[in-house]
PDB file of N, CA and C in Angstrom:
ATOM      1  N   MET A   1     122.103  -2.493 180.884  1.00  0.00           N
ATOM      2  CA  MET A   1     121.423  -1.850 181.971  1.00  0.00           C
ATOM      3  C   MET A   1     122.066  -0.482 182.204  1.00  0.00           C
ATOM      4  N   ILE A   2     121.230   0.505 182.491  1.00  0.00           N
ATOM      5  CA  ILE A   2     121.696   1.860 182.744  1.00  0.00           C
ATOM      6  C   ILE A   2     121.790   2.074 184.257  1.00  0.00           C
ATOM      7  N   PHE A   3     122.906   2.582 184.689  1.00  0.00           N
ATOM      8  CA  PHE A   3     123.078   2.929 186.095  1.00  0.00           C
ATOM      9  C   PHE A   3     122.662   4.375 186.285  1.00  0.00           C
ATOM     10  N   VAL A   4     121.699   4.615 187.180  1.00  0.00           N
ATOM     11  CA  VAL A   4     121.243   5.981 187.455  1.00  0.00           C
ATOM     12  C   VAL A   4     122.055   6.503 188.638  1.00  0.00           C
ATOM     13  N   PRO A   5     122.831   7.567 188.409  1.00  0.00           N
ATOM     14  CA  PRO A   5     123.684   8.080 189.473  1.00  0.00           C
ATOM     15  C   PRO A   5     122.878   8.663 190.633  1.00  0.00           C
ATOM     16  N   GLU A   6     123.416   8.574 191.827  1.00  0.00           N
ATOM     17  CA  GLU A   6     122.766   9.120 193.026  1.00  0.00           C
ATOM     18  C   GLU A   6     122.431  10.597 192.836  1.00  0.00           C
ATOM     19  N   GLN A   7     123.288  11.302 192.115  1.00  0.00           N
ATOM     20  CA  GLN A   7     123.066  12.722 191.849  1.00  0.00           C
ATOM     21  C   GLN A   7     121.707  12.951 191.183  1.00  0.00           C
ATOM     22  N   HIS A   8     121.280  12.016 190.364  1.00  0.00           N
ATOM     23  CA  HIS A   8     119.980  12.127 189.687  1.00  0.00           C
ATOM     24  C   HIS A   8     118.868  12.286 190.721  1.00  0.00           C
ATOM     25  N   TYR A   9     118.838  11.424 191.717  1.00  0.00           N
ATOM     26  CA  TYR A   9     117.784  11.460 192.733  1.00  0.00           C
ATOM     27  C   TYR A   9     117.902  12.700 193.611  1.00  0.00           C
ATOM     28  N   GLN A  10     119.112  13.112 193.919  1.00  0.00           N
ATOM     29  CA  GLN A  10     119.318  14.323 194.715  1.00  0.00           C
ATOM     30  C   GLN A  10     118.796  15.550 193.972  1.00  0.00           C
ATOM     31  N   ASN A  11     119.111  15.648 192.691  1.00  0.00           N
ATOM     32  CA  ASN A  11     118.644  16.787 191.897  1.00  0.00           C
ATOM     33  C   ASN A  11     117.131  16.774 191.721  1.00  0.00           C
ATOM     34  N   ARG A  12     116.565  15.601 191.512  1.00  0.00           N
ATOM     35  CA  ARG A  12     115.099  15.520 191.374  1.00  0.00           C
ATOM     36  C   ARG A  12     114.406  15.956 192.646  1.00  0.00           C
ATOM     37  N   ALA A  13     114.973  15.625 193.792  1.00  0.00           N
ATOM     38  CA  ALA A  13     114.383  16.010 195.074  1.00  0.00           C
ATOM     39  C   ALA A  13     114.383  17.532 195.256  1.00  0.00           C
ATOM     40  N   ARG A  14     115.301  18.207 194.598  1.00  0.00           N
ATOM     41  CA  ARG A  14     115.393  19.665 194.687  1.00  0.00           C
ATOM     42  C   ARG A  14     114.617  20.376 193.578  1.00  0.00           C
ATOM     43  N   PHE A  15     113.961  19.613 192.715  1.00  0.00           N
ATOM     44  CA  PHE A  15     113.264  20.194 191.578  1.00  0.00           C
ATOM     45  C   PHE A  15     112.119  21.083 192.061  1.00  0.00           C
ATOM     46  N   SER A  16     111.926  22.196 191.434  1.00  0.00           N
ATOM     47  CA  SER A  16     110.897  23.167 191.799  1.00  0.00           C
ATOM     48  C   SER A  16     109.500  22.535 191.750  1.00  0.00           C
ATOM     49  N   ALA A  17     108.749  22.684 192.844  1.00  0.00           N
ATOM     50  CA  ALA A  17     107.386  22.148 192.900  1.00  0.00           C
ATOM     51  C   ALA A  17     106.493  22.823 191.869  1.00  0.00           C
ATOM     52  N   VAL A  18     106.719  24.099 191.620  1.00  0.00           N
ATOM     53  CA  VAL A  18     105.933  24.834 190.626  1.00  0.00           C
ATOM     54  C   VAL A  18     106.193  24.262 189.228  1.00  0.00           C
ATOM     55  N   GLU A  19     107.450  24.010 188.913  1.00  0.00           N
ATOM     56  CA  GLU A  19     107.793  23.445 187.609  1.00  0.00           C
ATOM     57  C   GLU A  19     107.272  22.009 187.489  1.00  0.00           C
ATOM     58  N   LEU A  20     107.406  21.233 188.555  1.00  0.00           N
ATOM     59  CA  LEU A  20     106.957  19.841 188.529  1.00  0.00           C
ATOM     60  C   LEU A  20     105.445  19.761 188.335  1.00  0.00           C
ATOM     61  N   ALA A  21     104.703  20.707 188.893  1.00  0.00           N
ATOM     62  CA  ALA A  21     103.238  20.714 188.781  1.00  0.00           C
ATOM     63  C   ALA A  21     102.780  20.770 187.324  1.00  0.00           C
ATOM     64  N   LYS A  22     103.596  21.327 186.442  1.00  0.00           N
ATOM     65  CA  LYS A  22     103.261  21.400 185.023  1.00  0.00           C
ATOM     66  C   LYS A  22     103.206  20.013 184.383  1.00  0.00           C
ATOM     67  N   HIS A  23     103.775  19.018 185.061  1.00  0.00           N
ATOM     68  CA  HIS A  23     103.898  17.678 184.487  1.00  0.00           C
ATOM     69  C   HIS A  23     103.073  16.626 185.237  1.00  0.00           C
ATOM     70  N   PHE A  24     102.206  17.061 186.181  1.00  0.00           N
ATOM     71  CA  PHE A  24     101.376  16.101 186.907  1.00  0.00           C
ATOM     72  C   PHE A  24     100.565  15.260 185.926  1.00  0.00           C
ATOM     73  N   GLY A  25     100.568  13.953 186.130  1.00  0.00           N
ATOM     74  CA  GLY A  25      99.816  13.037 185.279  1.00  0.00           C
ATOM     75  C   GLY A  25     100.493  12.734 183.954  1.00  0.00           C
ATOM     76  N   LYS A  26     101.739  13.119 183.810  1.00  0.00           N
ATOM     77  CA  LYS A  26     102.468  12.937 182.555  1.00  0.00           C
ATOM     78  C   LYS A  26     103.630  11.966 182.722  1.00  0.00           C
ATOM     79  N   GLU A  27     104.028  11.390 181.619  1.00  0.00           N
ATOM     80  CA  GLU A  27     105.276  10.650 181.527  1.00  0.00           C
ATOM     81  C   GLU A  27     106.351  11.674 181.208  1.00  0.00           C
ATOM     82  N   VAL A  28     107.516  11.554 181.807  1.00  0.00           N
ATOM     83  CA  VAL A  28     108.587  12.505 181.541  1.00  0.00           C
ATOM     84  C   VAL A  28     109.906  11.787 181.308  1.00  0.00           C
ATOM     85  N   ALA A  29     110.796  12.488 180.637  1.00  0.00           N
ATOM     86  CA  ALA A  29     112.176  12.032 180.471  1.00  0.00           C
ATOM     87  C   ALA A  29     113.043  13.063 181.177  1.00  0.00           C
ATOM     88  N   TRP A  30     113.744  12.613 182.206  1.00  0.00           N
ATOM     89  CA  TRP A  30     114.655  13.467 182.965  1.00  0.00           C
ATOM     90  C   TRP A  30     116.050  13.385 182.350  1.00  0.00           C
ATOM     91  N   SER A  31     116.793  14.467 182.483  1.00  0.00           N
ATOM     92  CA  SER A  31     118.210  14.403 182.124  1.00  0.00           C
ATOM     93  C   SER A  31     118.854  13.370 183.034  1.00  0.00           C
ATOM     94  N   LEU A  32     119.946  12.799 182.598  1.00  0.00           N
ATOM     95  CA  LEU A  32     120.589  11.739 183.374  1.00  0.00           C
ATOM     96  C   LEU A  32     120.994  12.218 184.763  1.00  0.00           C
ATOM     97  N   ASP A  33     121.326  13.497 184.897  1.00  0.00           N
ATOM     98  CA  ASP A  33     121.704  14.004 186.217  1.00  0.00           C
ATOM     99  C   ASP A  33     120.499  14.466 187.035  1.00  0.00           C
ATOM    100  N   GLY A  34     119.275  14.399 186.464  1.00  0.00           N
ATOM    101  CA  GLY A  34     118.060  14.733 187.197  1.00  0.00           C
ATOM    102  C   GLY A  34     117.816  16.217 187.398  1.00  0.00           C
ATOM    103  N   SER A  35     118.568  17.055 186.712  1.00  0.00           N
ATOM    104  CA  SER A  35     118.446  18.495 186.922  1.00  0.00           C
ATOM    105  C   SER A  35     117.357  19.148 186.068  1.00  0.00           C
ATOM    106  N   ARG A  36     116.861  18.419 185.049  1.00  0.00           N
ATOM    107  CA  ARG A  36     115.831  19.012 184.197  1.00  0.00           C
ATOM    108  C   ARG A  36     114.994  17.929 183.528  1.00  0.00           C
ATOM    109  N   ILE A  37     113.789  18.320 183.144  1.00  0.00           N
ATOM    110  CA  ILE A  37     112.911  17.460 182.367  1.00  0.00           C
ATOM    111  C   ILE A  37     113.138  17.823 180.914  1.00  0.00           C
ATOM    112  N   VAL A  38     113.548  16.846 180.119  1.00  0.00           N
ATOM    113  CA  VAL A  38     113.873  17.124 178.717  1.00  0.00           C
ATOM    114  C   VAL A  38     112.695  16.874 177.779  1.00  0.00           C
ATOM    115  N   ALA A  39     111.705  16.097 178.232  1.00  0.00           N
ATOM    116  CA  ALA A  39     110.515  15.839 177.425  1.00  0.00           C
ATOM    117  C   ALA A  39     109.388  15.396 178.345  1.00  0.00           C
ATOM    118  N   SER A  40     108.159  15.677 177.944  1.00  0.00           N
ATOM    119  CA  SER A  40     106.985  15.322 178.730  1.00  0.00           C
ATOM    120  C   SER A  40     105.853  15.007 177.775  1.00  0.00           C
ATOM    121  N   GLY A  41     105.001  14.054 178.146  1.00  0.00           N
ATOM    122  CA  GLY A  41     103.882  13.710 177.280  1.00  0.00           C
ATOM    123  C   GLY A  41     102.891  12.810 177.977  1.00  0.00           C
ATOM    124  N   ASP A  42     101.839  12.478 177.252  1.00  0.00           N
ATOM    125  CA  ASP A  42     100.774  11.655 177.815  1.00  0.00           C
ATOM    126  C   ASP A  42     101.101  10.173 177.882  1.00  0.00           C
ATOM    127  N   ASN A  43     102.101   9.733 177.118  1.00  0.00           N
ATOM    128  CA  ASN A  43     102.451   8.317 177.137  1.00  0.00           C
ATOM    129  C   ASN A  43     103.938   8.160 176.794  1.00  0.00           C
ATOM    130  N   PRO A  44     104.507   7.014 177.123  1.00  0.00           N
ATOM    131  CA  PRO A  44     105.940   6.807 176.880  1.00  0.00           C
ATOM    132  C   PRO A  44     106.350   6.916 175.415  1.00  0.00           C
ATOM    133  N   VAL A  45     105.491   6.497 174.501  1.00  0.00           N
ATOM    134  CA  VAL A  45     105.832   6.557 173.078  1.00  0.00           C
ATOM    135  C   VAL A  45     106.022   8.014 172.655  1.00  0.00           C
ATOM    136  N   GLU A  46     105.109   8.868 173.095  1.00  0.00           N
ATOM    137  CA  GLU A  46     105.186  10.296 172.790  1.00  0.00           C
ATOM    138  C   GLU A  46     106.472  10.911 173.359  1.00  0.00           C
ATOM    139  N   VAL A  47     106.800  10.534 174.587  1.00  0.00           N
ATOM    140  CA  VAL A  47     107.991  11.079 175.237  1.00  0.00           C
ATOM    141  C   VAL A  47     109.259  10.591 174.534  1.00  0.00           C
ATOM    142  N   CYS A  48     109.298   9.321 174.178  1.00  0.00           N
ATOM    143  CA  CYS A  48     110.471   8.782 173.471  1.00  0.00           C
ATOM    144  C   CYS A  48     110.685   9.486 172.138  1.00  0.00           C
ATOM    145  N   ALA A  49     109.601   9.785 171.438  1.00  0.00           N
ATOM    146  CA  ALA A  49     109.714  10.506 170.166  1.00  0.00           C
ATOM    147  C   ALA A  49     110.273  11.911 170.399  1.00  0.00           C
ATOM    148  N   ALA A  50     109.837  12.570 171.459  1.00  0.00           N
ATOM    149  CA  ALA A  50     110.335  13.912 171.779  1.00  0.00           C
ATOM    150  C   ALA A  50     111.810  13.867 172.169  1.00  0.00           C
ATOM    151  N   VAL A  51     112.210  12.814 172.862  1.00  0.00           N
ATOM    152  CA  VAL A  51     113.620  12.643 173.232  1.00  0.00           C
ATOM    153  C   VAL A  51     114.475  12.519 171.972  1.00  0.00           C
ATOM    154  N   ARG A  52     114.012  11.702 171.032  1.00  0.00           N
ATOM    155  CA  ARG A  52     114.755  11.544 169.769  1.00  0.00           C
ATOM    156  C   ARG A  52     114.823  12.861 168.995  1.00  0.00           C
ATOM    157  N   ARG A  53     113.703  13.605 168.968  1.00  0.00           N
ATOM    158  CA  ARG A  53     113.696  14.899 168.270  1.00  0.00           C
ATOM    159  C   ARG A  53     114.676  15.879 168.908  1.00  0.00           C
ATOM    160  N   ALA A  54     114.889  15.732 170.212  1.00  0.00           N
ATOM    161  CA  ALA A  54     115.837  16.595 170.927  1.00  0.00           C
ATOM    162  C   ALA A  54     117.280  16.174 170.675  1.00  0.00           C
ATOM    163  N   GLY A  55     117.456  15.088 169.915  1.00  0.00           N
ATOM    164  CA  GLY A  55     118.800  14.622 169.584  1.00  0.00           C
ATOM    165  C   GLY A  55     119.442  13.773 170.659  1.00  0.00           C
ATOM    166  N   LEU A  56     118.626  13.265 171.580  1.00  0.00           N
ATOM    167  CA  LEU A  56     119.149  12.423 172.665  1.00  0.00           C
ATOM    168  C   LEU A  56     118.855  10.960 172.388  1.00  0.00           C
ATOM    169  N   LYS A  57     119.631  10.091 173.016  1.00  0.00           N
ATOM    170  CA  LYS A  57     119.414   8.646 172.932  1.00  0.00           C
ATOM    171  C   LYS A  57     118.762   8.178 174.228  1.00  0.00           C
ATOM    172  N   SER A  58     118.174   7.006 174.178  1.00  0.00           N
ATOM    173  CA  SER A  58     117.448   6.493 175.340  1.00  0.00           C
ATOM    174  C   SER A  58     118.337   6.306 176.565  1.00  0.00           C
ATOM    175  N   ASP A  59     119.648   6.084 176.352  1.00  0.00           N
ATOM    176  CA  ASP A  59     120.526   5.907 177.509  1.00  0.00           C
ATOM    177  C   ASP A  59     121.022   7.241 178.074  1.00  0.00           C
ATOM    178  N   GLU A  60     120.473   8.347 177.559  1.00  0.00           N
ATOM    179  CA  GLU A  60     120.841   9.672 178.066  1.00  0.00           C
ATOM    180  C   GLU A  60     119.731  10.304 178.899  1.00  0.00           C
ATOM    181  N   VAL A  61     118.642   9.555 179.128  1.00  0.00           N
ATOM    182  CA  VAL A  61     117.522  10.060 179.920  1.00  0.00           C
ATOM    183  C   VAL A  61     117.028   8.976 180.877  1.00  0.00           C
ATOM    184  N   VAL A  62     116.248   9.413 181.854  1.00  0.00           N
ATOM    185  CA  VAL A  62     115.596   8.497 182.791  1.00  0.00           C
ATOM    186  C   VAL A  62     114.099   8.770 182.690  1.00  0.00           C
ATOM    187  N   MET A  63     113.348   7.757 182.325  1.00  0.00           N
ATOM    188  CA  MET A  63     111.903   7.894 182.160  1.00  0.00           C
ATOM    189  C   MET A  63     111.195   7.660 183.495  1.00  0.00           C
ATOM    190  N   SER A  64     110.145   8.439 183.721  1.00  0.00           N
ATOM    191  CA  SER A  64     109.314   8.216 184.904  1.00  0.00           C
ATOM    192  C   SER A  64     107.959   8.874 184.707  1.00  0.00           C
ATOM    193  N   TYR A  65     107.063   8.582 185.622  1.00  0.00           N
ATOM    194  CA  TYR A  65     105.727   9.156 185.643  1.00  0.00           C
ATOM    195  C   TYR A  65     105.683  10.161 186.777  1.00  0.00           C
ATOM    196  N   VAL A  66     105.019  11.299 186.567  1.00  0.00           N
ATOM    197  CA  VAL A  66     104.874  12.304 187.620  1.00  0.00           C
ATOM    198  C   VAL A  66     103.427  12.259 188.099  1.00  0.00           C
ATOM    199  N   PRO A  67     103.186  11.659 189.261  1.00  0.00           N
ATOM    200  CA  PRO A  67     101.806  11.533 189.745  1.00  0.00           C
ATOM    201  C   PRO A  67     101.272  12.859 190.293  1.00  0.00           C
ATOM    202  N   PHE A  68      99.943  12.974 190.288  1.00  0.00           N
ATOM    203  CA  PHE A  68      99.307  14.087 190.978  1.00  0.00           C
ATOM    204  C   PHE A  68      99.575  13.915 192.473  1.00  0.00           C
ATOM    205  N   PRO A  69      99.600  14.996 193.242  1.00  0.00           N
ATOM    206  CA  PRO A  69      99.915  14.880 194.678  1.00  0.00           C
ATOM    207  C   PRO A  69      99.023  13.915 195.447  1.00  0.00           C
ATOM    208  N   ASP A  70      97.755  13.783 195.051  1.00  0.00           N
ATOM    209  CA  ASP A  70      96.834  12.891 195.765  1.00  0.00           C
ATOM    210  C   ASP A  70      96.687  11.521 195.103  1.00  0.00           C
ATOM    211  N   GLU A  71      97.526  11.244 194.122  1.00  0.00           N
ATOM    212  CA  GLU A  71      97.458   9.989 193.373  1.00  0.00           C
ATOM    213  C   GLU A  71      98.336   8.928 194.033  1.00  0.00           C
ATOM    214  N   ILE A  72      97.803   7.725 194.141  1.00  0.00           N
ATOM    215  CA  ILE A  72      98.558   6.600 194.675  1.00  0.00           C
ATOM    216  C   ILE A  72      99.035   5.760 193.495  1.00  0.00           C
ATOM    217  N   VAL A  73     100.328   5.548 193.412  1.00  0.00           N
ATOM    218  CA  VAL A  73     100.906   4.782 192.306  1.00  0.00           C
ATOM    219  C   VAL A  73     101.382   3.438 192.841  1.00  0.00           C
ATOM    220  N   LEU A  74     100.810   2.374 192.315  1.00  0.00           N
ATOM    221  CA  LEU A  74     101.213   1.023 192.705  1.00  0.00           C
ATOM    222  C   LEU A  74     102.064   0.463 191.575  1.00  0.00           C
ATOM    223  N   GLY A  75     103.341   0.563 191.702  1.00  0.00           N
ATOM    224  CA  GLY A  75     104.258   0.097 190.660  1.00  0.00           C
ATOM    225  C   GLY A  75     104.063  -1.367 190.337  1.00  0.00           C
ATOM    226  N   GLY A  76     103.907  -1.671 189.064  1.00  0.00           N
ATOM    227  CA  GLY A  76     103.774  -3.047 188.626  1.00  0.00           C
ATOM    228  C   GLY A  76     102.384  -3.624 188.743  1.00  0.00           C
ATOM    229  N   ALA A  77     101.432  -2.856 189.269  1.00  0.00           N
ATOM    230  CA  ALA A  77     100.082  -3.382 189.453  1.00  0.00           C
ATOM    231  C   ALA A  77      99.457  -3.811 188.131  1.00  0.00           C
ATOM    232  N   TRP A  78      99.818  -3.145 187.058  1.00  0.00           N
ATOM    233  CA  TRP A  78      99.264  -3.483 185.746  1.00  0.00           C
ATOM    234  C   TRP A  78      99.657  -4.888 185.313  1.00  0.00           C
ATOM    235  N   LEU A  79     100.726  -5.431 185.892  1.00  0.00           N
ATOM    236  CA  LEU A  79     101.161  -6.779 185.520  1.00  0.00           C
ATOM    237  C   LEU A  79     100.106  -7.837 185.878  1.00  0.00           C
ATOM    238  N   ALA A  80      99.330  -7.551 186.918  1.00  0.00           N
ATOM    239  CA  ALA A  80      98.345  -8.511 187.387  1.00  0.00           C
ATOM    240  C   ALA A  80      96.992  -8.346 186.723  1.00  0.00           C
ATOM    241  N   GLU A  81      96.819  -7.322 185.909  1.00  0.00           N
ATOM    242  CA  GLU A  81      95.534  -7.102 185.241  1.00  0.00           C
ATOM    243  C   GLU A  81      95.164  -8.321 184.413  1.00  0.00           C
ATOM    244  N   GLY A  82      93.945  -8.726 184.566  1.00  0.00           N
ATOM    245  CA  GLY A  82      93.443  -9.847 183.770  1.00  0.00           C
ATOM    246  C   GLY A  82      93.715 -11.207 184.403  1.00  0.00           C
ATOM    247  N   GLU A  83      94.549 -11.291 185.413  1.00  0.00           N
ATOM    248  CA  GLU A  83      94.851 -12.583 186.031  1.00  0.00           C
ATOM    249  C   GLU A  83      93.699 -13.091 186.880  1.00  0.00           C
ATOM    250  N   ALA A  84      92.877 -12.169 187.407  1.00  0.00           N
ATOM    251  CA  ALA A  84      91.787 -12.596 188.279  1.00  0.00           C
ATOM    252  C   ALA A  84      90.568 -13.040 187.488  1.00  0.00           C
ATOM    253  N   GLU A  85      90.575 -12.845 186.206  1.00  0.00           N
ATOM    254  CA  GLU A  85      89.418 -13.212 185.380  1.00  0.00           C
ATOM    255  C   GLU A  85      89.310 -14.695 185.175  1.00  0.00           C
TER     256      GLU A  85
END
């Protein structure tokens, strides 16, 4: 298990809104300290490949999704897909 340092969340909170807007609707890989986005793409597989090309390992980044400002994200909702059928 990877421990994400508190500094990561503090730095992400200070991230430029203009820069973040470039990644709306994308999966991203943040630096472990949260100070920069090291890769961005349409899906996690694409982002993981970009992370590897950058010479980083999976335990050197934090993956997340950057929602559009008006988008509601229900974490884990996909787990229930198909259960009501």
